[in-house]
PDB file of N, CA and C in Angstrom:
ATOM      1  N   MET A   1       0.783  -0.771  -0.016  1.00  0.00           N
ATOM      2  CA  MET A   1      -0.013  -0.199  -0.046  1.00  0.00           C
ATOM      3  C   MET A   1       0.805   1.104  -0.153  1.00  0.00           C
ATOM      4  N   LEU A   2       0.458   1.932  -0.970  1.00  0.00           N
ATOM      5  CA  LEU A   2       1.632   3.388  -1.610  1.00  0.00           C
ATOM      6  C   LEU A   2       0.395   4.417  -0.410  1.00  0.00           C
ATOM      7  N   GLU A   3       1.293   5.271   0.436  1.00  0.00           N
ATOM      8  CA  GLU A   3       0.182   6.379   0.839  1.00  0.00           C
ATOM      9  C   GLU A   3       1.409   7.566   0.383  1.00  0.00           C
ATOM     10  N   ILE A   4       0.269   8.335  -0.366  1.00  0.00           N
ATOM     11  CA  ILE A   4       0.583   9.743  -1.327  1.00  0.00           C
ATOM     12  C   ILE A   4       0.579  10.767   0.529  1.00  0.00           C
ATOM     13  N   GLU A   5       1.285  11.232  -0.251  1.00  0.00           N
ATOM     14  CA  GLU A   5       1.533  12.477   1.195  1.00  0.00           C
ATOM     15  C   GLU A   5       1.733  14.188   0.308  1.00  0.00           C
ATOM     16  N   ALA A   6       0.685  14.649   0.772  1.00  0.00           N
ATOM     17  CA  ALA A   6       1.474  16.302   0.647  1.00  0.00           C
ATOM     18  C   ALA A   6       2.696  16.872   0.568  1.00  0.00           C
ATOM     19  N   GLU A   7       3.191  17.304  -0.978  1.00  0.00           N
ATOM     20  CA  GLU A   7       4.608  18.269  -0.388  1.00  0.00           C
ATOM     21  C   GLU A   7       4.451  19.373   0.245  1.00  0.00           C
ATOM     22  N   ILE A   8       3.278  19.542   0.111  1.00  0.00           N
ATOM     23  CA  ILE A   8       3.391  21.330   0.462  1.00  0.00           C
ATOM     24  C   ILE A   8       1.889  21.084   1.454  1.00  0.00           C
ATOM     25  N   ALA A   9       1.948  22.521   2.117  1.00  0.00           N
ATOM     26  CA  ALA A   9       0.742  22.365   3.432  1.00  0.00           C
ATOM     27  C   ALA A   9       0.001  23.484   2.219  1.00  0.00           C
ATOM     28  N   GLY A  10      -1.276  23.879   2.986  1.00  0.00           N
ATOM     29  CA  GLY A  10      -2.197  23.934   1.490  1.00  0.00           C
ATOM     30  C   GLY A  10      -3.885  23.743   1.866  1.00  0.00           C
ATOM     31  N   SER A  11      -4.557  24.039   1.430  1.00  0.00           N
ATOM     32  CA  SER A  11      -5.520  22.919   1.413  1.00  0.00           C
ATOM     33  C   SER A  11      -6.156  22.451   0.121  1.00  0.00           C
ATOM     34  N   VAL A  12      -7.058  21.754   0.523  1.00  0.00           N
ATOM     35  CA  VAL A  12      -7.597  20.227  -0.765  1.00  0.00           C
ATOM     36  C   VAL A  12      -8.748  20.827  -1.449  1.00  0.00           C
ATOM     37  N   TRP A  13      -8.332  21.065  -2.691  1.00  0.00           N
ATOM     38  CA  TRP A  13      -9.645  22.558  -3.815  1.00  0.00           C
ATOM     39  C   TRP A  13      -9.889  21.149  -4.111  1.00  0.00           C
ATOM     40  N   LYS A  14     -10.182  20.346  -4.482  1.00  0.00           N
ATOM     41  CA  LYS A  14     -10.240  19.434  -5.456  1.00  0.00           C
ATOM     42  C   LYS A  14      -9.959  17.592  -5.554  1.00  0.00           C
ATOM     43  N   ILE A  15     -11.353  16.834  -5.031  1.00  0.00           N
ATOM     44  CA  ILE A  15     -10.454  15.293  -4.965  1.00  0.00           C
ATOM     45  C   ILE A  15     -11.166  14.574  -6.395  1.00  0.00           C
ATOM     46  N   GLU A  16      -9.985  14.168  -7.701  1.00  0.00           N
ATOM     47  CA  GLU A  16     -10.688  13.977  -8.536  1.00  0.00           C
ATOM     48  C   GLU A  16     -10.826  12.655  -8.575  1.00  0.00           C
ATOM     49  N   ALA A  17     -10.008  11.236  -7.311  1.00  0.00           N
ATOM     50  CA  ALA A  17     -10.097  10.277  -7.510  1.00  0.00           C
ATOM     51  C   ALA A  17     -10.910   9.542  -6.588  1.00  0.00           C
ATOM     52  N   ALA A  18     -11.615   8.796  -6.117  1.00  0.00           N
ATOM     53  CA  ALA A  18     -12.301   8.408  -5.306  1.00  0.00           C
ATOM     54  C   ALA A  18     -12.146   6.753  -5.199  1.00  0.00           C
ATOM     55  N   VAL A  19     -12.361   6.187  -4.202  1.00  0.00           N
ATOM     56  CA  VAL A  19     -12.422   4.747  -3.103  1.00  0.00           C
ATOM     57  C   VAL A  19     -13.030   3.312  -4.544  1.00  0.00           C
ATOM     58  N   GLY A  20     -11.665   2.578  -4.722  1.00  0.00           N
ATOM     59  CA  GLY A  20     -12.185   1.947  -5.925  1.00  0.00           C
ATOM     60  C   GLY A  20     -11.852   1.958  -7.112  1.00  0.00           C
ATOM     61  N   ASP A  21     -11.301   3.509  -7.250  1.00  0.00           N
ATOM     62  CA  ASP A  21     -10.852   4.058  -8.907  1.00  0.00           C
ATOM     63  C   ASP A  21      -9.939   3.181  -9.003  1.00  0.00           C
ATOM     64  N   ARG A  22      -9.523   2.511 -10.247  1.00  0.00           N
ATOM     65  CA  ARG A  22      -8.516   2.326 -10.860  1.00  0.00           C
ATOM     66  C   ARG A  22      -7.810   3.446 -11.326  1.00  0.00           C
ATOM     67  N   VAL A  23      -6.232   3.768 -11.082  1.00  0.00           N
ATOM     68  CA  VAL A  23      -5.933   4.989 -11.627  1.00  0.00           C
ATOM     69  C   VAL A  23      -4.522   4.136 -12.578  1.00  0.00           C
ATOM     70  N   GLU A  24      -3.892   5.786 -13.438  1.00  0.00           N
ATOM     71  CA  GLU A  24      -2.574   4.870 -14.003  1.00  0.00           C
ATOM     72  C   GLU A  24      -1.521   6.280 -12.970  1.00  0.00           C
ATOM     73  N   GLU A  25      -0.748   5.746 -13.336  1.00  0.00           N
ATOM     74  CA  GLU A  25       0.351   6.537 -13.264  1.00  0.00           C
ATOM     75  C   GLU A  25       0.507   7.559 -13.697  1.00  0.00           C
ATOM     76  N   GLU A  26       0.800   8.919 -12.862  1.00  0.00           N
ATOM     77  CA  GLU A  26       0.435   9.894 -13.402  1.00  0.00           C
ATOM     78  C   GLU A  26      -0.910  10.792 -13.363  1.00  0.00           C
ATOM     79  N   GLN A  27      -1.786  10.014 -12.884  1.00  0.00           N
ATOM     80  CA  GLN A  27      -3.112  10.458 -13.275  1.00  0.00           C
ATOM     81  C   GLN A  27      -3.537  11.332 -11.982  1.00  0.00           C
ATOM     82  N   VAL A  28      -4.396  13.071 -11.905  1.00  0.00           N
ATOM     83  CA  VAL A  28      -3.980  13.315 -11.040  1.00  0.00           C
ATOM     84  C   VAL A  28      -4.773  12.787  -9.958  1.00  0.00           C
ATOM     85  N   LEU A  29      -4.656  12.886  -8.819  1.00  0.00           N
ATOM     86  CA  LEU A  29      -5.872  12.512  -8.113  1.00  0.00           C
ATOM     87  C   LEU A  29      -6.463  13.455  -6.753  1.00  0.00           C
ATOM     88  N   LEU A  30      -5.921  14.665  -6.804  1.00  0.00           N
ATOM     89  CA  LEU A  30      -6.202  15.558  -6.105  1.00  0.00           C
ATOM     90  C   LEU A  30      -5.625  17.071  -6.512  1.00  0.00           C
ATOM     91  N   ILE A  31      -6.018  17.950  -6.241  1.00  0.00           N
ATOM     92  CA  ILE A  31      -5.327  19.062  -6.329  1.00  0.00           C
ATOM     93  C   ILE A  31      -5.830  19.996  -4.825  1.00  0.00           C
ATOM     94  N   LEU A  32      -4.403  20.474  -4.954  1.00  0.00           N
ATOM     95  CA  LEU A  32      -4.296  21.164  -3.801  1.00  0.00           C
ATOM     96  C   LEU A  32      -3.617  23.285  -3.758  1.00  0.00           C
ATOM     97  N   GLU A  33      -4.213  23.690  -3.038  1.00  0.00           N
ATOM     98  CA  GLU A  33      -4.260  25.388  -3.274  1.00  0.00           C
ATOM     99  C   GLU A  33      -3.261  25.754  -1.998  1.00  0.00           C
ATOM    100  N   SER A  34      -2.138  25.758  -2.782  1.00  0.00           N
ATOM    101  CA  SER A  34      -1.180  26.797  -2.338  1.00  0.00           C
ATOM    102  C   SER A  34      -1.008  28.274  -2.186  1.00  0.00           C
ATOM    103  N   MET A  35      -0.615  29.307  -1.559  1.00  0.00           N
ATOM    104  CA  MET A  35       0.243  30.116  -1.992  1.00  0.00           C
ATOM    105  C   MET A  35      -1.383  30.792  -3.656  1.00  0.00           C
ATOM    106  N   LYS A  36      -1.648  30.252  -3.616  1.00  0.00           N
ATOM    107  CA  LYS A  36      -3.167  31.066  -4.698  1.00  0.00           C
ATOM    108  C   LYS A  36      -2.419  29.833  -5.706  1.00  0.00           C
ATOM    109  N   MET A  37      -1.681  29.258  -5.427  1.00  0.00           N
ATOM    110  CA  MET A  37      -1.249  28.309  -7.462  1.00  0.00           C
ATOM    111  C   MET A  37      -1.757  27.040  -6.396  1.00  0.00           C
ATOM    112  N   GLU A  38      -2.576  25.951  -7.417  1.00  0.00           N
ATOM    113  CA  GLU A  38      -3.129  24.629  -7.356  1.00  0.00           C
ATOM    114  C   GLU A  38      -1.908  23.739  -8.295  1.00  0.00           C
ATOM    115  N   ILE A  39      -1.699  23.172  -7.058  1.00  0.00           N
ATOM    116  CA  ILE A  39      -0.689  22.386  -7.227  1.00  0.00           C
ATOM    117  C   ILE A  39      -1.333  20.873  -7.867  1.00  0.00           C
ATOM    118  N   PRO A  40      -1.342  19.732  -8.838  1.00  0.00           N
ATOM    119  CA  PRO A  40      -1.927  18.429  -8.877  1.00  0.00           C
ATOM    120  C   PRO A  40      -0.692  17.687  -7.802  1.00  0.00           C
ATOM    121  N   VAL A  41      -1.630  16.468  -6.828  1.00  0.00           N
ATOM    122  CA  VAL A  41      -0.905  15.441  -6.720  1.00  0.00           C
ATOM    123  C   VAL A  41      -1.775  14.421  -7.453  1.00  0.00           C
ATOM    124  N   GLU A  42      -0.429  13.916  -7.901  1.00  0.00           N
ATOM    125  CA  GLU A  42      -0.461  13.103  -9.293  1.00  0.00           C
ATOM    126  C   GLU A  42       0.173  11.504  -8.449  1.00  0.00           C
ATOM    127  N   ALA A  43      -0.655  10.211  -8.869  1.00  0.00           N
ATOM    128  CA  ALA A  43      -0.098   9.125  -9.150  1.00  0.00           C
ATOM    129  C   ALA A  43       1.037   8.139  -8.977  1.00  0.00           C
ATOM    130  N   PRO A  44       1.890   8.573  -7.603  1.00  0.00           N
ATOM    131  CA  PRO A  44       3.111   7.394  -8.205  1.00  0.00           C
ATOM    132  C   PRO A  44       3.340   6.260  -9.346  1.00  0.00           C
ATOM    133  N   CYS A  45       1.744   5.490  -9.269  1.00  0.00           N
ATOM    134  CA  CYS A  45       2.416   4.595 -10.353  1.00  0.00           C
ATOM    135  C   CYS A  45       0.338   4.203 -10.596  1.00  0.00           C
ATOM    136  N   ALA A  46       0.566   2.993 -11.400  1.00  0.00           N
ATOM    137  CA  ALA A  46      -0.995   2.073 -11.553  1.00  0.00           C
ATOM    138  C   ALA A  46      -0.968   1.777 -10.229  1.00  0.00           C
ATOM    139  N   GLY A  47      -2.922   1.833 -10.012  1.00  0.00           N
ATOM    140  CA  GLY A  47      -3.455   0.624  -9.404  1.00  0.00           C
ATOM    141  C   GLY A  47      -4.335   1.436  -8.149  1.00  0.00           C
ATOM    142  N   VAL A  48      -5.289   0.971  -7.476  1.00  0.00           N
ATOM    143  CA  VAL A  48      -6.318   1.217  -7.071  1.00  0.00           C
ATOM    144  C   VAL A  48      -6.653   1.542  -5.946  1.00  0.00           C
ATOM    145  N   VAL A  49      -7.309   3.059  -5.980  1.00  0.00           N
ATOM    146  CA  VAL A  49      -7.385   4.221  -4.726  1.00  0.00           C
ATOM    147  C   VAL A  49      -8.447   3.154  -3.692  1.00  0.00           C
ATOM    148  N   ARG A  50      -7.833   2.963  -2.594  1.00  0.00           N
ATOM    149  CA  ARG A  50      -8.283   2.322  -1.528  1.00  0.00           C
ATOM    150  C   ARG A  50      -9.003   2.980  -0.165  1.00  0.00           C
ATOM    151  N   ALA A  51      -8.194   4.257  -0.406  1.00  0.00           N
ATOM    152  CA  ALA A  51      -9.095   5.692   0.850  1.00  0.00           C
ATOM    153  C   ALA A  51      -8.330   6.712   0.179  1.00  0.00           C
ATOM    154  N   VAL A  52      -9.555   7.581   0.759  1.00  0.00           N
ATOM    155  CA  VAL A  52      -8.814   9.124   0.671  1.00  0.00           C
ATOM    156  C   VAL A  52      -9.248   9.545   1.258  1.00  0.00           C
ATOM    157  N   LYS A  53      -7.907   9.889   2.331  1.00  0.00           N
ATOM    158  CA  LYS A  53      -7.618  10.357   3.924  1.00  0.00           C
ATOM    159  C   LYS A  53      -7.936  12.043   4.102  1.00  0.00           C
ATOM    160  N   VAL A  54      -8.633  12.759   3.653  1.00  0.00           N
ATOM    161  CA  VAL A  54      -8.944  14.070   3.475  1.00  0.00           C
ATOM    162  C   VAL A  54     -10.434  14.127   2.422  1.00  0.00           C
ATOM    163  N   GLU A  55     -10.852  15.563   2.704  1.00  0.00           N
ATOM    164  CA  GLU A  55     -11.751  16.280   2.325  1.00  0.00           C
ATOM    165  C   GLU A  55     -11.786  17.540   1.582  1.00  0.00           C
ATOM    166  N   GLU A  56     -12.521  17.854   0.083  1.00  0.00           N
ATOM    167  CA  GLU A  56     -12.306  18.951   0.273  1.00  0.00           C
ATOM    168  C   GLU A  56     -12.533  20.441   0.823  1.00  0.00           C
ATOM    169  N   GLY A  57     -11.880  20.681   0.208  1.00  0.00           N
ATOM    170  CA  GLY A  57     -11.785  22.282   1.944  1.00  0.00           C
ATOM    171  C   GLY A  57     -11.243  21.853   3.009  1.00  0.00           C
ATOM    172  N   ALA A  58     -10.509  20.924   3.391  1.00  0.00           N
ATOM    173  CA  ALA A  58      -9.552  20.468   4.420  1.00  0.00           C
ATOM    174  C   ALA A  58      -8.331  21.385   4.070  1.00  0.00           C
ATOM    175  N   THR A  59      -7.796  22.147   5.295  1.00  0.00           N
ATOM    176  CA  THR A  59      -6.476  22.165   5.522  1.00  0.00           C
ATOM    177  C   THR A  59      -5.159  21.063   5.632  1.00  0.00           C
ATOM    178  N   VAL A  60      -4.549  20.910   5.081  1.00  0.00           N
ATOM    179  CA  VAL A  60      -3.448  20.211   4.839  1.00  0.00           C
ATOM    180  C   VAL A  60      -1.839  20.599   5.043  1.00  0.00           C
ATOM    181  N   GLU A  61      -1.287  19.659   5.720  1.00  0.00           N
ATOM    182  CA  GLU A  61       0.257  20.282   6.704  1.00  0.00           C
ATOM    183  C   GLU A  61       1.091  19.227   5.172  1.00  0.00           C
ATOM    184  N   GLU A  62       1.897  20.016   5.275  1.00  0.00           N
ATOM    185  CA  GLU A  62       3.511  18.927   4.712  1.00  0.00           C
ATOM    186  C   GLU A  62       3.357  17.390   5.627  1.00  0.00           C
ATOM    187  N   GLY A  63       3.364  16.532   4.891  1.00  0.00           N
ATOM    188  CA  GLY A  63       3.808  15.084   4.859  1.00  0.00           C
ATOM    189  C   GLY A  63       2.472  14.282   5.407  1.00  0.00           C
ATOM    190  N   THR A  64       1.200  15.195   5.330  1.00  0.00           N
ATOM    191  CA  THR A  64      -0.220  14.788   5.548  1.00  0.00           C
ATOM    192  C   THR A  64      -0.702  13.680   4.349  1.00  0.00           C
ATOM    193  N   VAL A  65      -0.780  12.671   5.195  1.00  0.00           N
ATOM    194  CA  VAL A  65      -1.641  11.530   3.822  1.00  0.00           C
ATOM    195  C   VAL A  65      -2.886  12.138   3.015  1.00  0.00           C
ATOM    196  N   LEU A  66      -2.842  11.799   2.206  1.00  0.00           N
ATOM    197  CA  LEU A  66      -3.582  12.358   1.367  1.00  0.00           C
ATOM    198  C   LEU A  66      -4.450  10.861   1.115  1.00  0.00           C
ATOM    199  N   VAL A  67      -3.841  10.519   0.410  1.00  0.00           N
ATOM    200  CA  VAL A  67      -4.843   9.229  -0.726  1.00  0.00           C
ATOM    201  C   VAL A  67      -3.339   7.463  -0.589  1.00  0.00           C
ATOM    202  N   LEU A  68      -4.556   6.549  -0.062  1.00  0.00           N
ATOM    203  CA  LEU A  68      -4.120   5.232   0.336  1.00  0.00           C
ATOM    204  C   LEU A  68      -3.604   4.630  -1.268  1.00  0.00           C
ATOM    205  N   ILE A  69      -2.960   3.883  -2.077  1.00  0.00           N
ATOM    206  CA  ILE A  69      -3.277   3.251  -3.093  1.00  0.00           C
ATOM    207  C   ILE A  69      -2.145   2.227  -3.207  1.00  0.00           C
ATOM    208  N   GLU A  70      -2.782   0.756  -3.470  1.00  0.00           N
ATOM    209  CA  GLU A  70      -2.881  -0.113  -3.954  1.00  0.00           C
ATOM    210  C   GLU A  70      -1.355  -0.540  -5.140  1.00  0.00           C
ATOM    211  N   SER A  71      -0.789  -0.693  -6.091  1.00  0.00           N
ATOM    212  CA  SER A  71      -0.121  -0.522  -6.873  1.00  0.00           C
ATOM    213  C   SER A  71      -0.271  -2.220  -7.319  1.00  0.00           C
ATOM    214  N   GLU A  72      -0.692  -1.986  -8.770  1.00  0.00           N
ATOM    215  CA  GLU A  72      -1.049  -2.994  -9.375  1.00  0.00           C
ATOM    216  C   GLU A  72       0.266  -4.032 -10.183  1.00  0.00           C
TER     217      GLU A  72
END
């Protein structure tokens, strides 16, 4: 199980993936907003989304686990 973490503090602007979704490498999972910039968070590999640990509008710190992916 891979833990996808926030690389920067910000807020969760939009969630693009749901639990059970199959995702491809580099597919956008969610978008963070920080310092008026939109930062896409991408899947590091193909797999299945097993958990989304945040909600839209949530404020996250650097290192916060955002999504869990089971790699294929």
